[in-house]
Amino acid sequence: MKTKTDMDARILAIAEPLADDMGYDIVRVRVMANKRTTVQIMAERKSDGTMKVEDCAKLSRELSAVLEVEDPLRDPYALEVSSPGVDRPLTSLEQFARYEGFEVKIELDRLVEGRKRFRGTLAGNDGDMIGIDLDDEDQTAFIPFEWMAEAKIIVTDEMIEAIQEQRALEKQDPANLKQENFDV
């Protein structure tokens, strides 16, 4: 789910080792071709899940140099390195576990009970199965991670409140910094 196309996967294969060495996780790669091709890379720090402007600039500089040498795209392109943001995509099992309790929209790569799109609250993982309490169901549904085409956090009042509480704790005592920090 980090990539959709072969070109996305090619860029990821170049970017991921460098980002890893720098202490970042690549969340998602998208190559979008409109009037001008854009390579969009979402990343976060491994240590705490944040990604500040300075981190984006640092990773962008290093990636630009490597992509210039590797030259995976024939045409000119713009490189955009960003934080996943609060309405972030979920692209790994670890992320689904980290955001347990948050509302999500998911789209599957196949029909399940006549539909591909679901909305609900993340209810953890069981191995490679993602638990989700669906809005229109009484029991937790478990969906294989490999069936996920896209998944995204939904911004809710509760989520914003949790972010504000976390930031208030950090201002009081930086030792309160948690893995679940939602810095944008």
Protein backbone atom coordinates (compact mmCIF):
# COMPACT_ATOMS: atom_id res chain seq x y z
CA MET A 1 0.00 0.00 0.00
CA LYS A 2 3.00 2.29 0.12
CA THR A 3 2.87 2.28 -3.68
CA LYS A 4 0.28 1.84 -6.42
CA THR A 5 2.28 1.67 -9.62
CA ASP A 6 5.52 0.12 -10.82
CA MET A 7 7.07 3.60 -10.96
CA ASP A 8 5.99 4.28 -7.36
CA ALA A 9 7.67 1.00 -6.36
CA ARG A 10 10.82 1.93 -8.28
CA ILE A 11 11.05 5.29 -6.47
CA LEU A 12 10.39 3.57 -3.13
CA ALA A 13 13.21 1.10 -3.78
CA ILE A 14 15.58 4.06 -4.25
CA ALA A 15 14.22 6.23 -1.42
CA GLU A 16 13.60 3.72 1.34
CA PRO A 17 17.21 2.68 2.11
CA LEU A 18 18.33 6.32 2.25
CA ALA A 19 15.38 7.36 4.45
CA ASP A 20 16.01 4.37 6.71
CA ASP A 21 19.68 5.36 7.15
CA MET A 22 18.55 8.89 8.05
CA GLY A 23 16.07 7.64 10.66
CA TYR A 24 12.86 8.07 8.62
CA ASP A 25 10.14 5.68 7.52
CA ILE A 26 8.61 6.18 4.08
CA VAL A 27 4.83 6.10 4.54
CA ARG A 28 3.79 6.44 0.91
CA VAL A 29 5.14 7.20 -2.57
CA ARG A 30 3.03 8.49 -5.46
CA VAL A 31 4.19 9.59 -8.89
CA MET A 32 1.52 11.82 -10.39
CA ALA A 33 1.67 12.96 -14.00
CA ASN A 34 -0.43 16.00 -14.87
CA LYS A 35 1.01 19.00 -16.71
CA ARG A 36 4.20 18.32 -14.78
CA THR A 37 5.21 15.08 -13.08
CA THR A 38 5.28 15.21 -9.28
CA VAL A 39 6.96 12.65 -7.04
CA GLN A 40 5.20 12.81 -3.68
CA ILE A 41 6.90 11.13 -0.73
CA MET A 42 5.31 11.04 2.71
CA ALA A 43 7.65 10.19 5.57
CA GLU A 44 7.94 10.28 9.36
CA ARG A 45 10.70 9.97 11.93
CA LYS A 46 11.15 6.42 13.20
CA SER A 47 11.79 7.66 16.73
CA ASP A 48 8.46 9.35 17.36
CA GLY A 49 6.31 9.37 14.20
CA THR A 50 6.66 13.13 13.66
CA MET A 51 7.91 14.98 10.62
CA LYS A 52 8.79 18.65 10.97
CA VAL A 53 9.49 21.07 8.13
CA GLU A 54 13.22 20.76 8.81
CA ASP A 55 12.97 16.97 8.46
CA CYS A 56 11.15 17.33 5.13
CA ALA A 57 13.84 19.70 3.83
CA LYS A 58 16.68 17.46 5.00
CA LEU A 59 15.17 14.31 3.45
CA SER A 60 14.25 16.19 0.27
CA ARG A 61 17.85 17.41 -0.23
CA GLU A 62 19.26 13.91 0.19
CA LEU A 63 16.61 12.27 -1.98
CA SER A 64 17.10 14.87 -4.73
CA ALA A 65 20.78 14.00 -4.94
CA VAL A 66 20.12 10.26 -5.11
CA LEU A 67 17.25 10.57 -7.60
CA GLU A 68 19.44 12.80 -9.79
CA VAL A 69 22.03 10.00 -10.01
CA GLU A 70 19.55 7.12 -10.33
CA ASP A 71 17.35 9.09 -12.77
CA PRO A 72 14.24 6.84 -12.55
CA LEU A 73 12.06 9.27 -14.54
CA ARG A 74 12.84 10.43 -18.05
CA ASP A 75 10.86 13.66 -17.86
CA PRO A 76 11.45 16.57 -15.46
CA TYR A 77 9.61 16.26 -12.16
CA ALA A 78 8.98 18.07 -8.89
CA LEU A 79 9.86 16.28 -5.67
CA GLU A 80 7.53 16.86 -2.73
CA VAL A 81 8.50 15.46 0.68
CA SER A 82 5.88 15.87 3.40
CA SER A 83 4.47 14.63 6.66
CA PRO A 84 1.57 12.18 6.38
CA GLY A 85 -0.53 14.73 8.32
CA VAL A 86 -3.34 14.01 10.75
CA ASP A 87 -5.57 12.48 8.07
CA ARG A 88 -2.70 10.20 7.19
CA PRO A 89 -2.78 7.12 5.03
CA LEU A 90 -2.15 3.82 6.80
CA THR A 91 0.24 1.67 4.82
CA SER A 92 1.72 -0.88 7.24
CA LEU A 93 0.53 -3.29 9.91
CA GLU A 94 2.42 -1.27 12.51
CA GLN A 95 0.48 1.87 11.61
CA PHE A 96 -2.85 0.06 11.92
CA ALA A 97 -1.83 -1.05 15.42
CA ARG A 98 -0.49 2.40 16.40
CA TYR A 99 -3.76 4.12 15.48
CA GLU A 100 -6.08 1.63 17.16
CA GLY A 101 -9.20 3.41 18.40
CA PHE A 102 -9.21 5.99 15.60
CA GLU A 103 -11.82 6.21 12.86
CA VAL A 104 -10.76 5.13 9.39
CA LYS A 105 -11.96 4.75 5.84
CA ILE A 106 -10.64 1.73 4.02
CA GLU A 107 -10.92 0.59 0.45
CA LEU A 108 -10.26 -3.02 -0.47
CA ASP A 109 -8.87 -4.43 -3.70
CA ARG A 110 -11.90 -6.77 -3.94
CA LEU A 111 -15.57 -6.92 -3.10
CA VAL A 112 -16.54 -8.18 0.36
CA GLU A 113 -20.24 -8.59 1.02
CA GLY A 114 -20.90 -6.62 -2.17
CA ARG A 115 -18.73 -3.60 -1.42
CA LYS A 116 -15.14 -2.36 -1.38
CA ARG A 117 -15.38 0.70 0.90
CA PHE A 118 -15.79 0.55 4.66
CA ARG A 119 -15.75 3.03 7.53
CA GLY A 120 -15.27 2.29 11.21
CA THR A 121 -12.96 2.33 14.22
CA LEU A 122 -9.65 0.47 14.20
CA ALA A 123 -9.77 -2.45 16.64
CA GLY A 124 -6.17 -3.70 16.51
CA ASN A 125 -4.46 -6.47 14.59
CA ASP A 126 -4.48 -10.22 14.87
CA GLY A 127 -1.41 -11.26 12.91
CA ASP A 128 -1.95 -10.06 9.35
CA MET A 129 -5.64 -9.36 10.00
CA ILE A 130 -6.84 -5.80 10.63
CA GLY A 131 -9.68 -5.46 13.13
CA ILE A 132 -12.28 -2.81 12.45
CA ASP A 133 -15.52 -2.02 14.24
CA LEU A 134 -17.65 -1.07 11.26
CA ASP A 135 -20.23 1.69 11.62
CA ASP A 136 -23.04 -0.58 10.46
CA GLU A 137 -22.07 -3.84 12.22
CA ASP A 138 -22.27 -5.19 15.78
CA GLN A 139 -19.15 -7.38 15.70
CA THR A 140 -15.53 -6.56 14.90
CA ALA A 141 -14.65 -7.46 11.32
CA PHE A 142 -11.19 -8.84 10.55
CA ILE A 143 -9.83 -8.10 7.10
CA PRO A 144 -6.55 -9.40 5.68
CA PHE A 145 -3.97 -6.61 5.37
CA GLU A 146 -3.13 -7.83 1.86
CA TRP A 147 -6.68 -6.92 0.74
CA MET A 148 -6.16 -3.23 1.60
CA ALA A 149 -5.98 -0.92 -1.41
CA GLU A 150 -6.10 2.29 0.65
CA ALA A 151 -6.74 3.23 4.26
CA LYS A 152 -6.90 6.68 5.78
CA ILE A 153 -7.46 8.18 9.23
CA ILE A 154 -10.61 10.30 9.49
CA VAL A 155 -10.16 13.57 11.34
CA THR A 156 -12.70 13.74 14.18
CA ASP A 157 -13.28 16.04 17.13
CA GLU A 158 -11.94 13.29 19.41
CA MET A 159 -8.76 13.03 17.38
CA ILE A 160 -8.18 16.79 17.45
CA GLU A 161 -8.76 16.76 21.21
CA ALA A 162 -6.21 13.94 21.66
CA ILE A 163 -3.65 15.88 19.59
CA GLN A 164 -4.20 19.03 21.65
CA GLU A 165 -3.85 17.09 24.91
CA GLN A 166 -0.60 15.50 23.69
CA ARG A 167 0.84 18.87 22.66
CA ALA A 168 -0.13 20.39 26.04
CA LEU A 169 1.67 17.52 27.82
CA GLU A 170 4.78 18.02 25.68
CA LYS A 171 4.90 21.73 26.52
CA GLN A 172 4.72 20.92 30.23
CA ASP A 173 7.35 18.18 30.06
CA PRO A 174 9.05 17.05 26.82
CA ALA A 175 9.56 13.63 28.44
CA ASN A 176 5.83 13.07 27.80
CA LEU A 177 6.52 12.80 24.07
CA LYS A 178 4.77 9.64 22.83
CA GLN A 179 5.07 7.45 19.77
CA GLU A 180 1.52 8.49 18.86
CA ASN A 181 2.49 12.13 18.36
CA PHE A 182 0.57 13.63 15.43
CA ASP A 183 2.84 16.52 14.42
CA VAL A 184 2.07 17.99 11.02
